[in-house]
Amino acid sequence: MQQSLTPGSVLFTFRRGLFGDRVDAYRAIQTQISRFVEFRLLSIYDSKDDGSLFIEAKFEETDDAKQAIQTGLIIDGITYRAVLPQEPQDYSKVKHISAI
């Protein structure tokens, strides 16, 4: 199965049990970085299914995406920073691949 990533998005990974629900993770990102963001849960495509959250976030403002990468958010005293997806030379081929 191939799932295309949204151009300009950033990726967050949170350990299992950090949040009670993915919505709690979304709220933390909205509170600490920006409420102008769209989310997509990518963990559902993960074949190892270890309970961690893998979230794609697409911020309306580029500065908010930069903040997510450079500053991140703090949960229980730990800083979680977003990363950019690896971009192949042909940007139309950005994919997240997982087994069914």
C-alpha atoms as a PDB file:
ATOM      1  CA  MET A   1       0.000   0.000   0.000  1.00  0.00           C
ATOM      2  CA  GLN A   2       1.281   3.475  -0.825  1.00  0.00           C
ATOM      3  CA  GLN A   3       0.054   6.621   0.880  1.00  0.00           C
ATOM      4  CA  SER A   4       1.135   9.978  -0.531  1.00  0.00           C
ATOM      5  CA  LEU A   5       2.271  12.625   1.931  1.00  0.00           C
ATOM      6  CA  THR A   6       0.910  16.148   1.742  1.00  0.00           C
ATOM      7  CA  PRO A   7       3.454  18.566   0.221  1.00  0.00           C
ATOM      8  CA  GLY A   8       4.822  20.925   2.869  1.00  0.00           C
ATOM      9  CA  SER A   9       3.804  18.713   5.763  1.00  0.00           C
ATOM     10  CA  VAL A  10       5.906  17.758   8.784  1.00  0.00           C
ATOM     11  CA  LEU A  11       5.918  14.502  10.723  1.00  0.00           C
ATOM     12  CA  PHE A  12       5.615  13.930  14.465  1.00  0.00           C
ATOM     13  CA  THR A  13       6.267  10.670  16.306  1.00  0.00           C
ATOM     14  CA  PHE A  14       5.105  10.162  19.887  1.00  0.00           C
ATOM     15  CA  ARG A  15       5.841   7.145  22.060  1.00  0.00           C
ATOM     16  CA  ARG A  16       3.146   4.713  23.059  1.00  0.00           C
ATOM     17  CA  GLY A  17       1.066   5.814  26.043  1.00  0.00           C
ATOM     18  CA  LEU A  18       2.128   9.474  25.932  1.00  0.00           C
ATOM     19  CA  PHE A  19      -1.402  10.518  25.013  1.00  0.00           C
ATOM     20  CA  GLY A  20      -4.688   8.865  25.916  1.00  0.00           C
ATOM     21  CA  ASP A  21      -5.947   9.405  22.381  1.00  0.00           C
ATOM     22  CA  ARG A  22      -4.620  10.868  19.151  1.00  0.00           C
ATOM     23  CA  VAL A  23      -6.941  13.852  19.639  1.00  0.00           C
ATOM     24  CA  ASP A  24      -4.919  14.747  22.756  1.00  0.00           C
ATOM     25  CA  ALA A  25      -1.785  14.850  20.579  1.00  0.00           C
ATOM     26  CA  TYR A  26      -3.569  17.066  18.055  1.00  0.00           C
ATOM     27  CA  ARG A  27      -4.632  19.448  20.841  1.00  0.00           C
ATOM     28  CA  ALA A  28      -1.081  19.656  22.214  1.00  0.00           C
ATOM     29  CA  ILE A  29       0.244  20.615  18.773  1.00  0.00           C
ATOM     30  CA  GLN A  30      -2.535  23.174  18.305  1.00  0.00           C
ATOM     31  CA  THR A  31      -1.966  24.673  21.759  1.00  0.00           C
ATOM     32  CA  GLN A  32       1.826  24.886  21.622  1.00  0.00           C
ATOM     33  CA  ILE A  33       2.420  25.615  17.929  1.00  0.00           C
ATOM     34  CA  SER A  34      -0.688  26.700  15.990  1.00  0.00           C
ATOM     35  CA  ARG A  35      -4.372  25.954  15.809  1.00  0.00           C
ATOM     36  CA  PHE A  36      -4.231  26.445  12.044  1.00  0.00           C
ATOM     37  CA  VAL A  37      -3.143  22.927  11.157  1.00  0.00           C
ATOM     38  CA  GLU A  38      -4.576  19.822   9.521  1.00  0.00           C
ATOM     39  CA  PHE A  39      -3.682  16.355  10.764  1.00  0.00           C
ATOM     40  CA  ARG A  40      -3.520  12.878   9.323  1.00  0.00           C
ATOM     41  CA  LEU A  41      -2.776   9.854  11.463  1.00  0.00           C
ATOM     42  CA  LEU A  42      -0.196   7.728   9.657  1.00  0.00           C
ATOM     43  CA  SER A  43       0.159   5.123  12.420  1.00  0.00           C
ATOM     44  CA  ILE A  44      -2.761   3.224  10.912  1.00  0.00           C
ATOM     45  CA  TYR A  45      -0.517   2.416   7.931  1.00  0.00           C
ATOM     46  CA  ASP A  46       2.329   1.135  10.134  1.00  0.00           C
ATOM     47  CA  SER A  47       2.769  -2.627   9.906  1.00  0.00           C
ATOM     48  CA  LYS A  48       4.600  -2.941  13.246  1.00  0.00           C
ATOM     49  CA  ASP A  49       1.670  -1.344  15.146  1.00  0.00           C
ATOM     50  CA  ASP A  50       3.615  -0.760  18.373  1.00  0.00           C
ATOM     51  CA  GLY A  51       1.119   1.760  19.732  1.00  0.00           C
ATOM     52  CA  SER A  52       3.194   4.841  18.946  1.00  0.00           C
ATOM     53  CA  LEU A  53       1.594   7.790  17.158  1.00  0.00           C
ATOM     54  CA  PHE A  54       2.921   8.812  13.761  1.00  0.00           C
ATOM     55  CA  ILE A  55       1.192  12.028  12.675  1.00  0.00           C
ATOM     56  CA  GLU A  56       1.418  14.150   9.559  1.00  0.00           C
ATOM     57  CA  ALA A  57       0.755  17.851  10.252  1.00  0.00           C
ATOM     58  CA  LYS A  58       0.172  20.468   7.560  1.00  0.00           C
ATOM     59  CA  PHE A  59       0.370  23.989   8.997  1.00  0.00           C
ATOM     60  CA  GLU A  60      -1.223  26.917   7.161  1.00  0.00           C
ATOM     61  CA  GLU A  61       1.805  29.106   7.843  1.00  0.00           C
ATOM     62  CA  THR A  62       5.362  28.135   6.912  1.00  0.00           C
ATOM     63  CA  ASP A  63       6.653  29.772  10.108  1.00  0.00           C
ATOM     64  CA  ASP A  64       4.529  27.380  12.176  1.00  0.00           C
ATOM     65  CA  ALA A  65       6.026  24.393  10.354  1.00  0.00           C
ATOM     66  CA  LYS A  66       9.494  25.808  11.045  1.00  0.00           C
ATOM     67  CA  GLN A  67       8.588  26.196  14.720  1.00  0.00           C
ATOM     68  CA  ALA A  68       7.422  22.572  14.810  1.00  0.00           C
ATOM     69  CA  ILE A  69      10.819  21.485  13.472  1.00  0.00           C
ATOM     70  CA  GLN A  70      13.080  23.887  15.355  1.00  0.00           C
ATOM     71  CA  THR A  71      11.301  24.288  18.703  1.00  0.00           C
ATOM     72  CA  GLY A  72       8.755  21.478  18.772  1.00  0.00           C
ATOM     73  CA  LEU A  73       6.460  20.984  21.713  1.00  0.00           C
ATOM     74  CA  ILE A  74       7.101  19.991  25.297  1.00  0.00           C
ATOM     75  CA  ILE A  75       5.178  17.130  26.891  1.00  0.00           C
ATOM     76  CA  ASP A  76       6.072  15.977  30.409  1.00  0.00           C
ATOM     77  CA  GLY A  77       9.377  17.858  30.221  1.00  0.00           C
ATOM     78  CA  ILE A  78      10.450  16.216  26.947  1.00  0.00           C
ATOM     79  CA  THR A  79      10.743  18.150  23.680  1.00  0.00           C
ATOM     80  CA  TYR A  80       9.204  16.503  20.611  1.00  0.00           C
ATOM     81  CA  ARG A  81      10.273  18.062  17.312  1.00  0.00           C
ATOM     82  CA  ALA A  82       8.735  17.433  13.935  1.00  0.00           C
ATOM     83  CA  VAL A  83      10.805  16.335  10.959  1.00  0.00           C
ATOM     84  CA  LEU A  84      10.437  16.927   7.259  1.00  0.00           C
ATOM     85  CA  PRO A  85       9.674  13.891   5.136  1.00  0.00           C
ATOM     86  CA  GLN A  86      12.585  12.887   2.933  1.00  0.00           C
ATOM     87  CA  GLU A  87      12.048  14.501  -0.426  1.00  0.00           C
ATOM     88  CA  PRO A  88      13.093  12.660  -3.550  1.00  0.00           C
ATOM     89  CA  GLN A  89      14.254  14.754  -6.485  1.00  0.00           C
ATOM     90  CA  ASP A  90      10.835  14.346  -8.068  1.00  0.00           C
ATOM     91  CA  TYR A  91       8.505  15.878  -5.461  1.00  0.00           C
ATOM     92  CA  SER A  92       5.473  14.179  -7.015  1.00  0.00           C
ATOM     93  CA  LYS A  93       6.791  10.819  -5.781  1.00  0.00           C
ATOM     94  CA  VAL A  94       6.808  11.481  -2.014  1.00  0.00           C
ATOM     95  CA  LYS A  95       5.306   8.333  -0.516  1.00  0.00           C
ATOM     96  CA  HIS A  96       4.812   6.617   2.821  1.00  0.00           C
ATOM     97  CA  ILE A  97       5.014   2.878   2.197  1.00  0.00           C
ATOM     98  CA  SER A  98       3.827   0.128   4.497  1.00  0.00           C
ATOM     99  CA  ALA A  99       2.846  -3.494   4.199  1.00  0.00           C
ATOM    100  CA  ILE A 100      -0.740  -4.678   4.342  1.00  0.00           C
END
